[in-house]
């Protein structure tokens, strides 16, 4: 777990906020706290719906698509370059 966080974030974390289905799994949250040595919160702790993560992510991807901006990350996909994904039908 720690390696995964360090791969995508190179700074110092004070705490971690988790969303999605895994945020309901107390064993995962406890393991994250122990492994990372920091407090772990869910979006619910901040008055947000932890289950809305996927909907927000797809909305962000669509927004980028509509703006004609790349909506992929080379570091996440392993692709050679970023592209604008999605088909727009009018």
PDB file of N, CA and C in Angstrom:
ATOM      1  N   UNK A   1       0.818  -1.199   0.000  1.00  0.00           N
ATOM      2  CA  UNK A   1       0.000   0.000   0.000  1.00  0.00           C
ATOM      3  C   UNK A   1       0.857   1.257   0.000  1.00  0.00           C
ATOM      4  N   UNK A   2       1.856   1.261   0.849  1.00  0.00           N
ATOM      5  CA  UNK A   2       2.700   2.444   0.970  1.00  0.00           C
ATOM      6  C   UNK A   2       3.401   2.758  -0.354  1.00  0.00           C
ATOM      7  N   UNK A   3       3.883   1.707  -1.038  1.00  0.00           N
ATOM      8  CA  UNK A   3       4.546   1.906  -2.331  1.00  0.00           C
ATOM      9  C   UNK A   3       3.602   2.526  -3.349  1.00  0.00           C
ATOM     10  N   UNK A   4       2.341   2.098  -3.321  1.00  0.00           N
ATOM     11  CA  UNK A   4       1.363   2.642  -4.252  1.00  0.00           C
ATOM     12  C   UNK A   4       1.140   4.124  -4.040  1.00  0.00           C
ATOM     13  N   UNK A   5       1.041   4.550  -2.801  1.00  0.00           N
ATOM     14  CA  UNK A   5       0.869   5.969  -2.498  1.00  0.00           C
ATOM     15  C   UNK A   5       2.124   6.732  -2.909  1.00  0.00           C
ATOM     16  N   UNK A   6       3.285   6.207  -2.589  1.00  0.00           N
ATOM     17  CA  UNK A   6       4.538   6.881  -2.928  1.00  0.00           C
ATOM     18  C   UNK A   6       4.751   6.976  -4.436  1.00  0.00           C
ATOM     19  N   UNK A   7       4.205   6.034  -5.173  1.00  0.00           N
ATOM     20  CA  UNK A   7       4.344   6.069  -6.635  1.00  0.00           C
ATOM     21  C   UNK A   7       3.637   7.268  -7.238  1.00  0.00           C
ATOM     22  N   UNK A   8       2.498   7.643  -6.682  1.00  0.00           N
ATOM     23  CA  UNK A   8       1.695   8.709  -7.275  1.00  0.00           C
ATOM     24  C   UNK A   8       1.767  10.032  -6.518  1.00  0.00           C
ATOM     25  N   UNK A   9       2.332  10.020  -5.304  1.00  0.00           N
ATOM     26  CA  UNK A   9       2.440  11.262  -4.536  1.00  0.00           C
ATOM     27  C   UNK A   9       3.802  11.299  -3.875  1.00  0.00           C
ATOM     28  N   UNK A  10       4.562  12.350  -4.145  1.00  0.00           N
ATOM     29  CA  UNK A  10       5.938  12.408  -3.679  1.00  0.00           C
ATOM     30  C   UNK A  10       6.137  13.333  -2.483  1.00  0.00           C
ATOM     31  N   UNK A  11       5.079  13.962  -2.009  1.00  0.00           N
ATOM     32  CA  UNK A  11       5.198  14.858  -0.868  1.00  0.00           C
ATOM     33  C   UNK A  11       4.938  14.130   0.444  1.00  0.00           C
ATOM     34  N   UNK A  12       4.737  14.912   1.487  1.00  0.00           N
ATOM     35  CA  UNK A  12       4.419  14.376   2.805  1.00  0.00           C
ATOM     36  C   UNK A  12       2.913  14.472   3.019  1.00  0.00           C
ATOM     37  N   UNK A  13       2.323  13.392   3.463  1.00  0.00           N
ATOM     38  CA  UNK A  13       0.882  13.381   3.715  1.00  0.00           C
ATOM     39  C   UNK A  13       0.600  13.592   5.193  1.00  0.00           C
ATOM     40  N   UNK A  14      -0.369  14.457   5.479  1.00  0.00           N
ATOM     41  CA  UNK A  14      -0.837  14.635   6.853  1.00  0.00           C
ATOM     42  C   UNK A  14      -1.960  13.647   7.157  1.00  0.00           C
ATOM     43  N   UNK A  15      -2.763  13.351   6.122  1.00  0.00           N
ATOM     44  CA  UNK A  15      -3.869  12.410   6.237  1.00  0.00           C
ATOM     45  C   UNK A  15      -4.268  11.971   4.840  1.00  0.00           C
ATOM     46  N   UNK A  16      -5.109  10.947   4.768  1.00  0.00           N
ATOM     47  CA  UNK A  16      -5.577  10.419   3.493  1.00  0.00           C
ATOM     48  C   UNK A  16      -7.098  10.377   3.519  1.00  0.00           C
ATOM     49  N   UNK A  17      -7.727  10.780   2.423  1.00  0.00           N
ATOM     50  CA  UNK A  17      -9.181  10.722   2.308  1.00  0.00           C
ATOM     51  C   UNK A  17      -9.522   9.647   1.276  1.00  0.00           C
ATOM     52  N   UNK A  18     -10.354   8.690   1.669  1.00  0.00           N
ATOM     53  CA  UNK A  18     -10.707   7.540   0.841  1.00  0.00           C
ATOM     54  C   UNK A  18     -12.176   7.632   0.442  1.00  0.00           C
ATOM     55  N   UNK A  19     -12.465   7.276  -0.809  1.00  0.00           N
ATOM     56  CA  UNK A  19     -13.842   7.246  -1.277  1.00  0.00           C
ATOM     57  C   UNK A  19     -14.106   5.959  -2.023  1.00  0.00           C
ATOM     58  N   UNK A  20     -15.328   5.776  -2.447  1.00  0.00           N
ATOM     59  CA  UNK A  20     -15.699   4.574  -3.181  1.00  0.00           C
ATOM     60  C   UNK A  20     -16.115   3.452  -2.260  1.00  0.00           C
ATOM     61  N   UNK A  21     -16.382   2.309  -2.859  1.00  0.00           N
ATOM     62  CA  UNK A  21     -16.873   1.158  -2.097  1.00  0.00           C
ATOM     63  C   UNK A  21     -15.933   0.699  -1.001  1.00  0.00           C
ATOM     64  N   UNK A  22     -14.625   0.797  -1.248  1.00  0.00           N
ATOM     65  CA  UNK A  22     -13.654   0.377  -0.245  1.00  0.00           C
ATOM     66  C   UNK A  22     -13.693   1.192   1.023  1.00  0.00           C
ATOM     67  N   UNK A  23     -14.271   2.380   0.962  1.00  0.00           N
ATOM     68  CA  UNK A  23     -14.332   3.232   2.146  1.00  0.00           C
ATOM     69  C   UNK A  23     -15.304   2.695   3.196  1.00  0.00           C
ATOM     70  N   UNK A  24     -16.097   1.691   2.825  1.00  0.00           N
ATOM     71  CA  UNK A  24     -17.015   1.060   3.786  1.00  0.00           C
ATOM     72  C   UNK A  24     -16.353  -0.110   4.510  1.00  0.00           C
ATOM     73  N   UNK A  25     -15.170  -0.502   4.058  1.00  0.00           N
ATOM     74  CA  UNK A  25     -14.483  -1.657   4.615  1.00  0.00           C
ATOM     75  C   UNK A  25     -13.510  -1.202   5.706  1.00  0.00           C
ATOM     76  N   UNK A  26     -13.918  -1.390   6.957  1.00  0.00           N
ATOM     77  CA  UNK A  26     -13.121  -0.922   8.089  1.00  0.00           C
ATOM     78  C   UNK A  26     -11.754  -1.592   8.159  1.00  0.00           C
ATOM     79  N   UNK A  27     -11.662  -2.838   7.705  1.00  0.00           N
ATOM     80  CA  UNK A  27     -10.373  -3.537   7.708  1.00  0.00           C
ATOM     81  C   UNK A  27      -9.391  -2.840   6.760  1.00  0.00           C
ATOM     82  N   UNK A  28      -9.870  -2.402   5.608  1.00  0.00           N
ATOM     83  CA  UNK A  28      -9.015  -1.685   4.658  1.00  0.00           C
ATOM     84  C   UNK A  28      -8.575  -0.356   5.250  1.00  0.00           C
ATOM     85  N   UNK A  29      -9.496   0.368   5.849  1.00  0.00           N
ATOM     86  CA  UNK A  29      -9.160   1.669   6.435  1.00  0.00           C
ATOM     87  C   UNK A  29      -8.146   1.520   7.559  1.00  0.00           C
ATOM     88  N   UNK A  30      -8.342   0.525   8.416  1.00  0.00           N
ATOM     89  CA  UNK A  30      -7.395   0.271   9.507  1.00  0.00           C
ATOM     90  C   UNK A  30      -6.020  -0.100   8.967  1.00  0.00           C
ATOM     91  N   UNK A  31      -5.982  -0.945   7.946  1.00  0.00           N
ATOM     92  CA  UNK A  31      -4.707  -1.359   7.347  1.00  0.00           C
ATOM     93  C   UNK A  31      -3.980  -0.162   6.731  1.00  0.00           C
ATOM     94  N   UNK A  32      -4.725   0.727   6.082  1.00  0.00           N
ATOM     95  CA  UNK A  32      -4.119   1.927   5.509  1.00  0.00           C
ATOM     96  C   UNK A  32      -3.507   2.802   6.598  1.00  0.00           C
ATOM     97  N   UNK A  33      -4.246   3.004   7.686  1.00  0.00           N
ATOM     98  CA  UNK A  33      -3.728   3.817   8.789  1.00  0.00           C
ATOM     99  C   UNK A  33      -2.446   3.226   9.360  1.00  0.00           C
ATOM    100  N   UNK A  34      -2.446   1.929   9.570  1.00  0.00           N
ATOM    101  CA  UNK A  34      -1.265   1.274  10.142  1.00  0.00           C
ATOM    102  C   UNK A  34      -0.082   1.323   9.183  1.00  0.00           C
ATOM    103  N   UNK A  35      -0.320   1.032   7.927  1.00  0.00           N
ATOM    104  CA  UNK A  35       0.750   0.988   6.933  1.00  0.00           C
ATOM    105  C   UNK A  35       1.346   2.361   6.669  1.00  0.00           C
ATOM    106  N   UNK A  36       0.474   3.377   6.552  1.00  0.00           N
ATOM    107  CA  UNK A  36       0.940   4.717   6.203  1.00  0.00           C
ATOM    108  C   UNK A  36       1.341   5.548   7.420  1.00  0.00           C
ATOM    109  N   UNK A  37       0.836   5.168   8.588  1.00  0.00           N
ATOM    110  CA  UNK A  37       1.157   5.904   9.802  1.00  0.00           C
ATOM    111  C   UNK A  37       0.515   7.276   9.874  1.00  0.00           C
ATOM    112  N   UNK A  38      -0.623   7.439   9.198  1.00  0.00           N
ATOM    113  CA  UNK A  38      -1.358   8.707   9.211  1.00  0.00           C
ATOM    114  C   UNK A  38      -2.849   8.417   9.387  1.00  0.00           C
ATOM    115  N   UNK A  39      -3.612   9.458   9.701  1.00  0.00           N
ATOM    116  CA  UNK A  39      -5.061   9.313   9.839  1.00  0.00           C
ATOM    117  C   UNK A  39      -5.682   9.075   8.459  1.00  0.00           C
ATOM    118  N   UNK A  40      -6.680   8.208   8.419  1.00  0.00           N
ATOM    119  CA  UNK A  40      -7.403   7.925   7.183  1.00  0.00           C
ATOM    120  C   UNK A  40      -8.877   8.266   7.410  1.00  0.00           C
ATOM    121  N   UNK A  41      -9.405   9.110   6.533  1.00  0.00           N
ATOM    122  CA  UNK A  41     -10.798   9.534   6.607  1.00  0.00           C
ATOM    123  C   UNK A  41     -11.545   9.073   5.364  1.00  0.00           C
ATOM    124  N   UNK A  42     -12.860   9.106   5.430  1.00  0.00           N
ATOM    125  CA  UNK A  42     -13.668   8.873   4.238  1.00  0.00           C
ATOM    126  C   UNK A  42     -14.319  10.197   3.854  1.00  0.00           C
ATOM    127  N   UNK A  43     -14.824  10.260   2.639  1.00  0.00           N
ATOM    128  CA  UNK A  43     -15.516  11.475   2.208  1.00  0.00           C
ATOM    129  C   UNK A  43     -16.699  11.766   3.122  1.00  0.00           C
ATOM    130  N   UNK A  44     -17.299  10.721   3.680  1.00  0.00           N
ATOM    131  CA  UNK A  44     -18.427  10.907   4.589  1.00  0.00           C
ATOM    132  C   UNK A  44     -18.027  11.752   5.800  1.00  0.00           C
ATOM    133  N   UNK A  45     -16.779  11.619   6.249  1.00  0.00           N
ATOM    134  CA  UNK A  45     -16.276  12.415   7.371  1.00  0.00           C
ATOM    135  C   UNK A  45     -16.294  13.908   7.068  1.00  0.00           C
ATOM    136  N   UNK A  46     -16.331  14.256   5.779  1.00  0.00           N
ATOM    137  CA  UNK A  46     -16.343  15.656   5.359  1.00  0.00           C
ATOM    138  C   UNK A  46     -17.698  16.074   4.797  1.00  0.00           C
ATOM    139  N   UNK A  47     -18.722  15.271   5.097  1.00  0.00           N
ATOM    140  CA  UNK A  47     -20.072  15.602   4.657  1.00  0.00           C
ATOM    141  C   UNK A  47     -20.353  15.296   3.200  1.00  0.00           C
ATOM    142  N   UNK A  48     -19.541  14.440   2.584  1.00  0.00           N
ATOM    143  CA  UNK A  48     -19.731  14.079   1.177  1.00  0.00           C
ATOM    144  C   UNK A  48     -20.093  12.603   1.063  1.00  0.00           C
ATOM    145  N   UNK A  49     -20.688  12.236  -0.052  1.00  0.00           N
ATOM    146  CA  UNK A  49     -21.089  10.857  -0.296  1.00  0.00           C
ATOM    147  C   UNK A  49     -19.901  10.062  -0.832  1.00  0.00           C
ATOM    148  N   UNK A  50     -19.405   9.126  -0.049  1.00  0.00           N
ATOM    149  CA  UNK A  50     -18.251   8.324  -0.468  1.00  0.00           C
ATOM    150  C   UNK A  50     -18.546   7.475  -1.694  1.00  0.00           C
ATOM    151  N   UNK A  51     -19.812   7.193  -1.948  1.00  0.00           N
ATOM    152  CA  UNK A  51     -20.166   6.354  -3.091  1.00  0.00           C
ATOM    153  C   UNK A  51     -20.281   7.137  -4.393  1.00  0.00           C
ATOM    154  N   UNK A  52     -20.085   8.443  -4.352  1.00  0.00           N
ATOM    155  CA  UNK A  52     -20.215   9.255  -5.565  1.00  0.00           C
ATOM    156  C   UNK A  52     -18.907   9.368  -6.338  1.00  0.00           C
ATOM    157  N   UNK A  53     -17.851   8.723  -5.861  1.00  0.00           N
ATOM    158  CA  UNK A  53     -16.531   8.847  -6.475  1.00  0.00           C
ATOM    159  C   UNK A  53     -16.539   8.501  -7.961  1.00  0.00           C
ATOM    160  N   UNK A  54     -17.146   7.403  -8.330  1.00  0.00           N
ATOM    161  CA  UNK A  54     -17.159   6.991  -9.732  1.00  0.00           C
ATOM    162  C   UNK A  54     -17.937   7.984 -10.593  1.00  0.00           C
ATOM    163  N   UNK A  55     -19.067   8.465 -10.092  1.00  0.00           N
ATOM    164  CA  UNK A  55     -19.858   9.431 -10.856  1.00  0.00           C
ATOM    165  C   UNK A  55     -19.075  10.723 -11.071  1.00  0.00           C
ATOM    166  N   UNK A  56     -18.378  11.176 -10.051  1.00  0.00           N
ATOM    167  CA  UNK A  56     -17.576  12.393 -10.171  1.00  0.00           C
ATOM    168  C   UNK A  56     -16.425  12.171 -11.156  1.00  0.00           C
ATOM    169  N   UNK A  57     -15.794  11.013 -11.100  1.00  0.00           N
ATOM    170  CA  UNK A  57     -14.686  10.714 -12.014  1.00  0.00           C
ATOM    171  C   UNK A  57     -15.163  10.720 -13.471  1.00  0.00           C
ATOM    172  N   UNK A  58     -16.306  10.104 -13.751  1.00  0.00           N
ATOM    173  CA  UNK A  58     -16.816  10.090 -15.120  1.00  0.00           C
ATOM    174  C   UNK A  58     -17.239  11.484 -15.567  1.00  0.00           C
ATOM    175  N   UNK A  59     -17.768  12.282 -14.671  1.00  0.00           N
ATOM    176  CA  UNK A  59     -18.122  13.660 -15.015  1.00  0.00           C
ATOM    177  C   UNK A  59     -16.874  14.461 -15.380  1.00  0.00           C
ATOM    178  N   UNK A  60     -15.799  14.259 -14.633  1.00  0.00           N
ATOM    179  CA  UNK A  60     -14.547  14.948 -14.925  1.00  0.00           C
ATOM    180  C   UNK A  60     -13.978  14.519 -16.278  1.00  0.00           C
ATOM    181  N   UNK A  61     -14.026  13.207 -16.563  1.00  0.00           N
ATOM    182  CA  UNK A  61     -13.558  12.715 -17.864  1.00  0.00           C
ATOM    183  C   UNK A  61     -14.382  13.320 -19.007  1.00  0.00           C
ATOM    184  N   UNK A  62     -15.694  13.399 -18.823  1.00  0.00           N
ATOM    185  CA  UNK A  62     -16.564  13.970 -19.853  1.00  0.00           C
ATOM    186  C   UNK A  62     -16.287  15.459 -20.044  1.00  0.00           C
ATOM    187  N   UNK A  63     -16.066  16.155 -18.961  1.00  0.00           N
ATOM    188  CA  UNK A  63     -15.769  17.595 -19.032  1.00  0.00           C
ATOM    189  C   UNK A  63     -14.485  17.825 -19.831  1.00  0.00           C
ATOM    190  N   UNK A  64     -13.454  17.033 -19.543  1.00  0.00           N
ATOM    191  CA  UNK A  64     -12.203  17.143 -20.279  1.00  0.00           C
ATOM    192  C   UNK A  64     -12.433  16.840 -21.762  1.00  0.00           C
ATOM    193  N   UNK A  65     -13.251  15.826 -22.048  1.00  0.00           N
ATOM    194  CA  UNK A  65     -13.551  15.452 -23.439  1.00  0.00           C
ATOM    195  C   UNK A  65     -14.234  16.601 -24.163  1.00  0.00           C
ATOM    196  N   UNK A  66     -15.226  17.205 -23.521  1.00  0.00           N
ATOM    197  CA  UNK A  66     -15.954  18.314 -24.142  1.00  0.00           C
ATOM    198  C   UNK A  66     -15.046  19.505 -24.403  1.00  0.00           C
ATOM    199  N   UNK A  67     -14.042  19.695 -23.554  1.00  0.00           N
ATOM    200  CA  UNK A  67     -13.092  20.800 -23.708  1.00  0.00           C
ATOM    201  C   UNK A  67     -11.992  20.451 -24.707  1.00  0.00           C
ATOM    202  N   UNK A  68     -11.995  19.199 -25.209  1.00  0.00           N
ATOM    203  CA  UNK A  68     -10.971  18.773 -26.159  1.00  0.00           C
ATOM    204  C   UNK A  68      -9.608  18.581 -25.517  1.00  0.00           C
ATOM    205  N   UNK A  69      -9.588  18.342 -24.205  1.00  0.00           N
ATOM    206  CA  UNK A  69      -8.329  18.162 -23.482  1.00  0.00           C
ATOM    207  C   UNK A  69      -8.116  16.679 -23.180  1.00  0.00           C
ATOM    208  N   UNK A  70      -6.870  16.250 -23.152  1.00  0.00           N
ATOM    209  CA  UNK A  70      -6.588  14.843 -22.841  1.00  0.00           C
ATOM    210  C   UNK A  70      -7.216  14.433 -21.506  1.00  0.00           C
ATOM    211  N   UNK A  71      -7.787  13.247 -21.488  1.00  0.00           N
ATOM    212  CA  UNK A  71      -8.396  12.743 -20.250  1.00  0.00           C
ATOM    213  C   UNK A  71      -7.805  11.387 -19.870  1.00  0.00           C
ATOM    214  N   UNK A  72      -6.529  11.221 -20.179  1.00  0.00           N
ATOM    215  CA  UNK A  72      -5.809  10.015 -19.783  1.00  0.00           C
ATOM    216  C   UNK A  72      -4.500  10.428 -19.109  1.00  0.00           C
ATOM    217  N   UNK A  73      -3.974   9.549 -18.289  1.00  0.00           N
ATOM    218  CA  UNK A  73      -2.681   9.778 -17.654  1.00  0.00           C
ATOM    219  C   UNK A  73      -1.707   8.715 -18.137  1.00  0.00           C
ATOM    220  N   UNK A  74      -0.629   9.145 -18.718  1.00  0.00           N
ATOM    221  CA  UNK A  74       0.372   8.200 -19.209  1.00  0.00           C
ATOM    222  C   UNK A  74       0.845   7.297 -18.070  1.00  0.00           C
ATOM    223  N   UNK A  75       1.029   7.884 -16.894  1.00  0.00           N
ATOM    224  CA  UNK A  75       1.532   7.105 -15.758  1.00  0.00           C
ATOM    225  C   UNK A  75       0.543   6.040 -15.298  1.00  0.00           C
ATOM    226  N   UNK A  76      -0.728   6.234 -15.590  1.00  0.00           N
ATOM    227  CA  UNK A  76      -1.743   5.258 -15.178  1.00  0.00           C
ATOM    228  C   UNK A  76      -2.039   4.229 -16.260  1.00  0.00           C
ATOM    229  N   UNK A  77      -1.948   4.644 -17.527  1.00  0.00           N
ATOM    230  CA  UNK A  77      -2.326   3.743 -18.618  1.00  0.00           C
ATOM    231  C   UNK A  77      -1.146   3.024 -19.248  1.00  0.00           C
ATOM    232  N   UNK A  78       0.049   3.584 -19.106  1.00  0.00           N
ATOM    233  CA  UNK A  78       1.217   3.005 -19.755  1.00  0.00           C
ATOM    234  C   UNK A  78       1.314   3.385 -21.231  1.00  0.00           C
ATOM    235  N   UNK A  79       0.421   4.256 -21.690  1.00  0.00           N
ATOM    236  CA  UNK A  79       0.435   4.694 -23.087  1.00  0.00           C
ATOM    237  C   UNK A  79       1.643   5.589 -23.350  1.00  0.00           C
ATOM    238  N   UNK A  80       1.956   5.780 -24.623  1.00  0.00           N
ATOM    239  CA  UNK A  80       3.091   6.620 -24.993  1.00  0.00           C
ATOM    240  C   UNK A  80       2.776   8.108 -24.912  1.00  0.00           C
ATOM    241  N   UNK A  81       1.497   8.461 -25.045  1.00  0.00           N
ATOM    242  CA  UNK A  81       1.103   9.864 -24.956  1.00  0.00           C
ATOM    243  C   UNK A  81      -0.354   9.966 -24.503  1.00  0.00           C
ATOM    244  N   UNK A  82      -0.712  11.137 -23.987  1.00  0.00           N
ATOM    245  CA  UNK A  82      -2.088  11.369 -23.546  1.00  0.00           C
ATOM    246  C   UNK A  82      -2.990  11.569 -24.755  1.00  0.00           C
ATOM    247  N   UNK A  83      -4.239  11.162 -24.625  1.00  0.00           N
ATOM    248  CA  UNK A  83      -5.208  11.334 -25.702  1.00  0.00           C
ATOM    249  C   UNK A  83      -6.533  11.825 -25.132  1.00  0.00           C
ATOM    250  N   UNK A  84      -7.356  12.318 -26.037  1.00  0.00           N
ATOM    251  CA  UNK A  84      -8.722  12.694 -25.675  1.00  0.00           C
ATOM    252  C   UNK A  84      -9.590  11.475 -25.955  1.00  0.00           C
ATOM    253  N   UNK A  85     -10.157  10.887 -24.906  1.00  0.00           N
ATOM    254  CA  UNK A  85     -10.997   9.689 -25.083  1.00  0.00           C
ATOM    255  C   UNK A  85     -12.469  10.084 -25.056  1.00  0.00           C
ATOM    256  N   UNK A  86     -13.260   9.282 -25.713  1.00  0.00           N
ATOM    257  CA  UNK A  86     -14.697   9.461 -25.684  1.00  0.00           C
ATOM    258  C   UNK A  86     -15.226   9.859 -27.050  1.00  0.00           C
ATOM    259  N   UNK A  87     -16.426   9.406 -27.335  1.00  0.00           N
ATOM    260  CA  UNK A  87     -17.059   9.719 -28.617  1.00  0.00           C
ATOM    261  C   UNK A  87     -18.199  10.689 -28.348  1.00  0.00           C
ATOM    262  N   UNK A  88     -18.269  11.701 -29.150  1.00  0.00           N
ATOM    263  CA  UNK A  88     -19.293  12.718 -28.995  1.00  0.00           C
ATOM    264  C   UNK A  88     -20.260  12.624 -30.163  1.00  0.00           C
ATOM    265  N   UNK A  89     -21.511  12.305 -29.869  1.00  0.00           N
ATOM    266  CA  UNK A  89     -22.520  12.205 -30.916  1.00  0.00           C
ATOM    267  C   UNK A  89     -23.572  13.275 -30.687  1.00  0.00           C
ATOM    268  N   UNK A  90     -23.853  13.987 -31.721  1.00  0.00           N
ATOM    269  CA  UNK A  90     -24.852  15.070 -31.619  1.00  0.00           C
ATOM    270  C   UNK A  90     -26.122  14.685 -32.322  1.00  0.00           C
TER     271      UNK A  90
END
